[in-house]
Amino acid sequence: VDAPQGRVELRGVSFSYGGSWAVRDISFSIEPGRTVAIVGASGAGKTTVAALLAGLLVPDAGEVLVDGHPVSSLSDRERIARLATVSQEVHVFSGTLRQDLTLARPEATDDELLDALRRVNATAWFERLPEGLDTVVGARGLQLDPVAAQQLALARVLLLDPAVIVMDEATAEAGSAGAEALERAADEVTRDRSALVIAHRLDQASRAD
């Protein structure tokens, strides 16, 4: 399969969860490196569109294409190379911070891990950790607050380095204190990538192309 470019296209996509249509006849494209935002009320179908693009759902009608390939036809390995999703419900895996990060790129060096944390503005809380990358986090260790957990998820995306990123309300839970830090981290992660940003508020979409 060709190298990832990050070109996204939804053509006449409709999807139903079994009853009425969740989304119907949706068409749009994202050119490589561009950010497209979808804004709407709860229940409008935004997350359904995100799941369709991510390949988590298969459309009842129409096509979801990444670099010209139907997302549903890509192998797991090919899909991971091309796109990643960050939602507001992030998971901190139990283990050391190093293990949590290298899930994204097992061969990453400590310097690369530290650089990813720096790029998502996680340096302040990271420097307070008692054992640095060897600090145990998650259910059996240090409980990260929601902003730190989201920064960790965004750092994993940087390590994955996908061509396309789907941000589904990824900064919604930050509150006013953490919102700016997460918005800056999201800007860093979406830079030079194709991005679909799902938002509740227009100001969350203000940076989109």
C-alpha atoms as a PDB file:
ATOM      1  CA  VAL A   1       0.000   0.000   0.000  1.00  0.00           C
ATOM      2  CA  ASP A   2       1.238   3.495  -0.839  1.00  0.00           C
ATOM      3  CA  ALA A   3       2.778   5.813   1.746  1.00  0.00           C
ATOM      4  CA  PRO A   4       0.261   7.741   3.889  1.00  0.00           C
ATOM      5  CA  GLN A   5      -0.575  11.193   2.505  1.00  0.00           C
ATOM      6  CA  GLY A   6      -3.516  12.152   4.731  1.00  0.00           C
ATOM      7  CA  ARG A   7      -6.188  12.778   2.099  1.00  0.00           C
ATOM      8  CA  VAL A   8      -9.657  12.088   3.521  1.00  0.00           C
ATOM      9  CA  GLU A   9     -12.942  11.862   1.652  1.00  0.00           C
ATOM     10  CA  LEU A  10     -16.460  10.994   2.756  1.00  0.00           C
ATOM     11  CA  ARG A  11     -18.779  10.400  -0.218  1.00  0.00           C
ATOM     12  CA  GLY A  12     -22.523  10.293   0.418  1.00  0.00           C
ATOM     13  CA  VAL A  13     -22.079   8.569   3.778  1.00  0.00           C
ATOM     14  CA  SER A  14     -25.127   7.447   5.755  1.00  0.00           C
ATOM     15  CA  PHE A  15     -25.225   5.401   8.942  1.00  0.00           C
ATOM     16  CA  SER A  16     -27.984   4.084  11.195  1.00  0.00           C
ATOM     17  CA  TYR A  17     -27.677   2.372  14.569  1.00  0.00           C
ATOM     18  CA  GLY A  18     -30.728   0.302  13.638  1.00  0.00           C
ATOM     19  CA  GLY A  19     -33.465   2.890  13.940  1.00  0.00           C
ATOM     20  CA  SER A  20     -33.470   6.354  12.393  1.00  0.00           C
ATOM     21  CA  TRP A  21     -30.435   7.723  10.568  1.00  0.00           C
ATOM     22  CA  ALA A  22     -27.611   8.959  12.803  1.00  0.00           C
ATOM     23  CA  VAL A  23     -26.047  10.730   9.798  1.00  0.00           C
ATOM     24  CA  ARG A  24     -27.377  10.876   6.277  1.00  0.00           C
ATOM     25  CA  ASP A  25     -25.701  11.724   2.960  1.00  0.00           C
ATOM     26  CA  ILE A  26     -22.593  13.331   4.464  1.00  0.00           C
ATOM     27  CA  SER A  27     -19.897  14.379   1.979  1.00  0.00           C
ATOM     28  CA  PHE A  28     -16.699  16.325   2.657  1.00  0.00           C
ATOM     29  CA  SER A  29     -12.982  16.086   2.045  1.00  0.00           C
ATOM     30  CA  ILE A  30      -9.848  17.009   3.980  1.00  0.00           C
ATOM     31  CA  GLU A  31      -6.757  17.823   1.981  1.00  0.00           C
ATOM     32  CA  PRO A  32      -3.370  16.727   3.389  1.00  0.00           C
ATOM     33  CA  GLY A  33      -2.266  18.943   6.268  1.00  0.00           C
ATOM     34  CA  ARG A  34      -5.607  20.742   6.614  1.00  0.00           C
ATOM     35  CA  THR A  35      -7.928  20.873   9.637  1.00  0.00           C
ATOM     36  CA  VAL A  36     -11.702  20.575   9.253  1.00  0.00           C
ATOM     37  CA  ALA A  37     -14.003  21.175  12.235  1.00  0.00           C
ATOM     38  CA  ILE A  38     -17.490  19.813  12.791  1.00  0.00           C
ATOM     39  CA  VAL A  39     -19.555  21.783  15.287  1.00  0.00           C
ATOM     40  CA  GLY A  40     -23.017  20.841  16.485  1.00  0.00           C
ATOM     41  CA  ALA A  41     -25.285  20.079  19.389  1.00  0.00           C
ATOM     42  CA  SER A  42     -25.145  16.832  21.349  1.00  0.00           C
ATOM     43  CA  GLY A  43     -26.843  14.069  19.402  1.00  0.00           C
ATOM     44  CA  ALA A  44     -26.263  15.730  16.022  1.00  0.00           C
ATOM     45  CA  GLY A  45     -24.085  12.842  14.807  1.00  0.00           C
ATOM     46  CA  LYS A  46     -20.621  14.359  15.231  1.00  0.00           C
ATOM     47  CA  THR A  47     -19.137  11.388  17.058  1.00  0.00           C
ATOM     48  CA  THR A  48     -20.688   9.018  14.524  1.00  0.00           C
ATOM     49  CA  VAL A  49     -18.825  10.848  11.741  1.00  0.00           C
ATOM     50  CA  ALA A  50     -15.596  10.594  13.769  1.00  0.00           C
ATOM     51  CA  ALA A  51     -16.118   6.840  14.287  1.00  0.00           C
ATOM     52  CA  LEU A  52     -16.844   6.327  10.585  1.00  0.00           C
ATOM     53  CA  LEU A  53     -13.639   8.118   9.602  1.00  0.00           C
ATOM     54  CA  ALA A  54     -11.660   6.133  12.163  1.00  0.00           C
ATOM     55  CA  GLY A  55     -12.981   2.871  10.729  1.00  0.00           C
ATOM     56  CA  LEU A  56     -14.756   1.967  13.972  1.00  0.00           C
ATOM     57  CA  LEU A  57     -18.084   1.959  12.108  1.00  0.00           C
ATOM     58  CA  VAL A  58     -18.829   0.873   8.531  1.00  0.00           C
ATOM     59  CA  PRO A  59     -21.287   3.096   6.614  1.00  0.00           C
ATOM     60  CA  ASP A  60     -24.656   1.724   5.507  1.00  0.00           C
ATOM     61  CA  ALA A  61     -24.250   3.750   2.314  1.00  0.00           C
ATOM     62  CA  GLY A  62     -21.443   5.732   0.731  1.00  0.00           C
ATOM     63  CA  GLU A  63     -17.678   5.518   1.129  1.00  0.00           C
ATOM     64  CA  VAL A  64     -15.090   6.651   3.679  1.00  0.00           C
ATOM     65  CA  LEU A  65     -11.714   6.936   1.969  1.00  0.00           C
ATOM     66  CA  VAL A  66      -8.241   7.669   3.300  1.00  0.00           C
ATOM     67  CA  ASP A  67      -5.665   8.185   0.551  1.00  0.00           C
ATOM     68  CA  GLY A  68      -8.177   6.658  -1.841  1.00  0.00           C
ATOM     69  CA  HIS A  69      -8.572   3.435   0.171  1.00  0.00           C
ATOM     70  CA  PRO A  70     -11.841   2.519   1.924  1.00  0.00           C
ATOM     71  CA  VAL A  71     -10.966   2.714   5.621  1.00  0.00           C
ATOM     72  CA  SER A  72     -12.766  -0.576   6.244  1.00  0.00           C
ATOM     73  CA  SER A  73     -10.428  -2.332   3.762  1.00  0.00           C
ATOM     74  CA  LEU A  74      -7.216  -1.296   5.523  1.00  0.00           C
ATOM     75  CA  SER A  75      -5.473  -3.774   7.769  1.00  0.00           C
ATOM     76  CA  ASP A  76      -4.994  -2.769  11.408  1.00  0.00           C
ATOM     77  CA  ARG A  77      -1.340  -2.018  10.695  1.00  0.00           C
ATOM     78  CA  GLU A  78      -2.183   0.164   7.686  1.00  0.00           C
ATOM     79  CA  ARG A  79      -4.939   1.966   9.581  1.00  0.00           C
ATOM     80  CA  ILE A  80      -2.653   2.725  12.545  1.00  0.00           C
ATOM     81  CA  ALA A  81      -0.036   4.165  10.164  1.00  0.00           C
ATOM     82  CA  ARG A  82      -2.612   6.459   8.582  1.00  0.00           C
ATOM     83  CA  LEU A  83      -4.903   7.653  11.357  1.00  0.00           C
ATOM     84  CA  ALA A  84      -5.350   7.968  15.094  1.00  0.00           C
ATOM     85  CA  THR A  85      -8.250   9.081  17.266  1.00  0.00           C
ATOM     86  CA  VAL A  86      -8.182  11.059  20.509  1.00  0.00           C
ATOM     87  CA  SER A  87     -11.442  11.380  22.442  1.00  0.00           C
ATOM     88  CA  GLN A  88     -12.286  13.006  25.770  1.00  0.00           C
ATOM     89  CA  GLU A  89     -12.313   9.553  27.369  1.00  0.00           C
ATOM     90  CA  VAL A  90      -8.619   8.747  27.427  1.00  0.00           C
ATOM     91  CA  HIS A  91      -7.040   5.738  29.083  1.00  0.00           C
ATOM     92  CA  VAL A  92      -3.956   5.700  31.260  1.00  0.00           C
ATOM     93  CA  PHE A  93      -2.586   2.173  31.212  1.00  0.00           C
ATOM     94  CA  SER A  94      -1.228   0.669  34.413  1.00  0.00           C
ATOM     95  CA  GLY A  95       2.544   0.543  34.312  1.00  0.00           C
ATOM     96  CA  THR A  96       5.436   2.956  34.132  1.00  0.00           C
ATOM     97  CA  LEU A  97       5.053   6.181  32.223  1.00  0.00           C
ATOM     98  CA  ARG A  98       7.670   4.832  29.801  1.00  0.00           C
ATOM     99  CA  GLN A  99       5.558   1.723  29.131  1.00  0.00           C
ATOM    100  CA  ASP A 100       2.455   3.861  28.674  1.00  0.00           C
ATOM    101  CA  LEU A 101       4.201   5.963  26.014  1.00  0.00           C
ATOM    102  CA  THR A 102       6.044   3.182  24.195  1.00  0.00           C
ATOM    103  CA  LEU A 103       2.750   1.446  23.467  1.00  0.00           C
ATOM    104  CA  ALA A 104       2.675   3.943  20.607  1.00  0.00           C
ATOM    105  CA  ARG A 105       6.255   3.337  19.438  1.00  0.00           C
ATOM    106  CA  PRO A 106       8.032   0.449  21.149  1.00  0.00           C
ATOM    107  CA  GLU A 107      11.453   1.409  19.782  1.00  0.00           C
ATOM    108  CA  ALA A 108      11.285   5.046  20.969  1.00  0.00           C
ATOM    109  CA  THR A 109      14.250   6.314  22.970  1.00  0.00           C
ATOM    110  CA  ASP A 110      13.843   8.108  26.286  1.00  0.00           C
ATOM    111  CA  ASP A 111      14.853  11.348  24.555  1.00  0.00           C
ATOM    112  CA  GLU A 112      12.017  10.879  22.049  1.00  0.00           C
ATOM    113  CA  LEU A 113       9.552  10.206  24.871  1.00  0.00           C
ATOM    114  CA  LEU A 114      10.671  13.331  26.736  1.00  0.00           C
ATOM    115  CA  ASP A 115      10.424  15.387  23.538  1.00  0.00           C
ATOM    116  CA  ALA A 116       6.826  14.202  22.966  1.00  0.00           C
ATOM    117  CA  LEU A 117       5.909  15.175  26.543  1.00  0.00           C
ATOM    118  CA  ARG A 118       7.548  18.591  26.085  1.00  0.00           C
ATOM    119  CA  ARG A 119       5.642  19.214  22.833  1.00  0.00           C
ATOM    120  CA  VAL A 120       2.278  18.613  24.565  1.00  0.00           C
ATOM    121  CA  ASN A 121       3.149  20.955  27.478  1.00  0.00           C
ATOM    122  CA  ALA A 122       3.443  18.124  30.010  1.00  0.00           C
ATOM    123  CA  THR A 123       6.849  19.194  31.335  1.00  0.00           C
ATOM    124  CA  ALA A 124       5.508  20.909  34.483  1.00  0.00           C
ATOM    125  CA  TRP A 125       3.847  17.822  35.953  1.00  0.00           C
ATOM    126  CA  PHE A 126       6.425  15.425  34.529  1.00  0.00           C
ATOM    127  CA  GLU A 127       9.245  17.195  36.367  1.00  0.00           C
ATOM    128  CA  ARG A 128       7.402  16.642  39.672  1.00  0.00           C
ATOM    129  CA  LEU A 129       7.232  12.867  39.205  1.00  0.00           C
ATOM    130  CA  PRO A 130       9.304  11.016  41.814  1.00  0.00           C
ATOM    131  CA  GLU A 131      10.906   8.607  39.347  1.00  0.00           C
ATOM    132  CA  GLY A 132      10.507  10.310  35.984  1.00  0.00           C
ATOM    133  CA  LEU A 133       9.700   7.862  33.183  1.00  0.00           C
ATOM    134  CA  ASP A 134       9.937   4.995  35.692  1.00  0.00           C
ATOM    135  CA  THR A 135       7.018   6.392  37.735  1.00  0.00           C
ATOM    136  CA  VAL A 136       4.130   3.924  37.857  1.00  0.00           C
ATOM    137  CA  VAL A 137       0.884   5.509  36.631  1.00  0.00           C
ATOM    138  CA  GLY A 138      -2.672   4.309  36.133  1.00  0.00           C
ATOM    139  CA  ALA A 139      -4.859   2.199  38.397  1.00  0.00           C
ATOM    140  CA  ARG A 140      -1.909   0.733  40.346  1.00  0.00           C
ATOM    141  CA  GLY A 141       0.127   3.910  40.576  1.00  0.00           C
ATOM    142  CA  LEU A 142      -0.038   7.671  40.327  1.00  0.00           C
ATOM    143  CA  GLN A 143      -3.466   8.916  39.279  1.00  0.00           C
ATOM    144  CA  LEU A 144      -3.052  11.565  36.587  1.00  0.00           C
ATOM    145  CA  ASP A 145      -5.558  14.407  36.510  1.00  0.00           C
ATOM    146  CA  PRO A 146      -7.752  14.713  33.360  1.00  0.00           C
ATOM    147  CA  VAL A 147      -5.515  17.324  31.708  1.00  0.00           C
ATOM    148  CA  ALA A 148      -2.332  15.305  32.302  1.00  0.00           C
ATOM    149  CA  ALA A 149      -4.045  12.122  31.070  1.00  0.00           C
ATOM    150  CA  GLN A 150      -5.105  13.909  27.885  1.00  0.00           C
ATOM    151  CA  GLN A 151      -1.586  15.283  27.375  1.00  0.00           C
ATOM    152  CA  LEU A 152      -0.285  11.729  27.732  1.00  0.00           C
ATOM    153  CA  ALA A 153      -2.747  10.551  25.058  1.00  0.00           C
ATOM    154  CA  LEU A 154      -1.659  13.380  22.749  1.00  0.00           C
ATOM    155  CA  ALA A 155       2.013  12.521  23.348  1.00  0.00           C
ATOM    156  CA  ARG A 156       1.248   8.959  22.228  1.00  0.00           C
ATOM    157  CA  VAL A 157      -0.230  10.362  19.009  1.00  0.00           C
ATOM    158  CA  LEU A 158       2.971  12.318  18.359  1.00  0.00           C
ATOM    159  CA  LEU A 159       4.931   9.089  18.793  1.00  0.00           C
ATOM    160  CA  LEU A 160       2.564   7.214  16.456  1.00  0.00           C
ATOM    161  CA  ASP A 161       2.955  10.038  13.898  1.00  0.00           C
ATOM    162  CA  PRO A 162      -0.190   9.289  11.836  1.00  0.00           C
ATOM    163  CA  ALA A 163      -1.089  11.210   8.668  1.00  0.00           C
ATOM    164  CA  VAL A 164      -4.661  11.831   9.887  1.00  0.00           C
ATOM    165  CA  ILE A 165      -5.911  12.573  13.384  1.00  0.00           C
ATOM    166  CA  VAL A 166      -9.505  12.600  14.592  1.00  0.00           C
ATOM    167  CA  MET A 167      -9.997  14.797  17.665  1.00  0.00           C
ATOM    168  CA  ASP A 168     -13.385  13.961  19.183  1.00  0.00           C
ATOM    169  CA  GLU A 169     -14.070  16.564  21.901  1.00  0.00           C
ATOM    170  CA  ALA A 170     -10.478  16.004  22.956  1.00  0.00           C
ATOM    171  CA  THR A 171     -10.170  19.255  24.909  1.00  0.00           C
ATOM    172  CA  ALA A 172     -13.729  19.403  26.249  1.00  0.00           C
ATOM    173  CA  GLU A 173     -13.009  18.194  29.774  1.00  0.00           C
ATOM    174  CA  ALA A 174     -10.113  20.469  30.551  1.00  0.00           C
ATOM    175  CA  GLY A 175     -12.000  23.212  32.369  1.00  0.00           C
ATOM    176  CA  SER A 176     -10.814  26.785  32.111  1.00  0.00           C
ATOM    177  CA  ALA A 177      -7.489  26.148  33.853  1.00  0.00           C
ATOM    178  CA  GLY A 178      -6.365  23.329  31.586  1.00  0.00           C
ATOM    179  CA  ALA A 179      -8.134  24.386  28.406  1.00  0.00           C
ATOM    180  CA  GLU A 180      -5.371  26.630  27.097  1.00  0.00           C
ATOM    181  CA  ALA A 181      -2.661  24.038  27.757  1.00  0.00           C
ATOM    182  CA  LEU A 182      -4.677  21.353  25.981  1.00  0.00           C
ATOM    183  CA  GLU A 183      -5.545  23.639  23.069  1.00  0.00           C
ATOM    184  CA  ARG A 184      -1.823  24.343  22.581  1.00  0.00           C
ATOM    185  CA  ALA A 185      -1.073  20.633  22.768  1.00  0.00           C
ATOM    186  CA  ALA A 186      -3.831  19.901  20.241  1.00  0.00           C
ATOM    187  CA  ASP A 187      -2.378  22.553  17.909  1.00  0.00           C
ATOM    188  CA  GLU A 188       1.002  20.834  18.114  1.00  0.00           C
ATOM    189  CA  VAL A 189      -0.465  17.407  17.375  1.00  0.00           C
ATOM    190  CA  THR A 190      -2.519  18.600  14.389  1.00  0.00           C
ATOM    191  CA  ARG A 191       0.289  20.647  12.842  1.00  0.00           C
ATOM    192  CA  ASP A 192       1.225  19.340   9.368  1.00  0.00           C
ATOM    193  CA  ARG A 193      -1.375  16.568   9.632  1.00  0.00           C
ATOM    194  CA  SER A 194      -4.875  16.201   8.272  1.00  0.00           C
ATOM    195  CA  ALA A 195      -7.287  16.619  11.160  1.00  0.00           C
ATOM    196  CA  LEU A 196     -10.990  16.271  11.832  1.00  0.00           C
ATOM    197  CA  VAL A 197     -11.865  18.220  14.974  1.00  0.00           C
ATOM    198  CA  ILE A 198     -15.219  17.511  16.633  1.00  0.00           C
ATOM    199  CA  ALA A 199     -16.324  20.422  18.805  1.00  0.00           C
ATOM    200  CA  HIS A 200     -19.285  21.592  20.882  1.00  0.00           C
ATOM    201  CA  ARG A 201     -18.364  25.256  20.736  1.00  0.00           C
ATOM    202  CA  LEU A 202     -17.503  27.529  17.846  1.00  0.00           C
ATOM    203  CA  ASP A 203     -14.393  28.824  19.620  1.00  0.00           C
ATOM    204  CA  GLN A 204     -12.994  25.270  19.617  1.00  0.00           C
ATOM    205  CA  ALA A 205     -13.278  25.338  15.824  1.00  0.00           C
ATOM    206  CA  SER A 206     -11.756  28.788  15.339  1.00  0.00           C
ATOM    207  CA  ARG A 207      -8.320  27.394  14.397  1.00  0.00           C
ATOM    208  CA  ALA A 208      -9.663  25.130  11.652  1.00  0.00           C
ATOM    209  CA  ASP A 209      -9.014  25.730   7.964  1.00  0.00           C
END
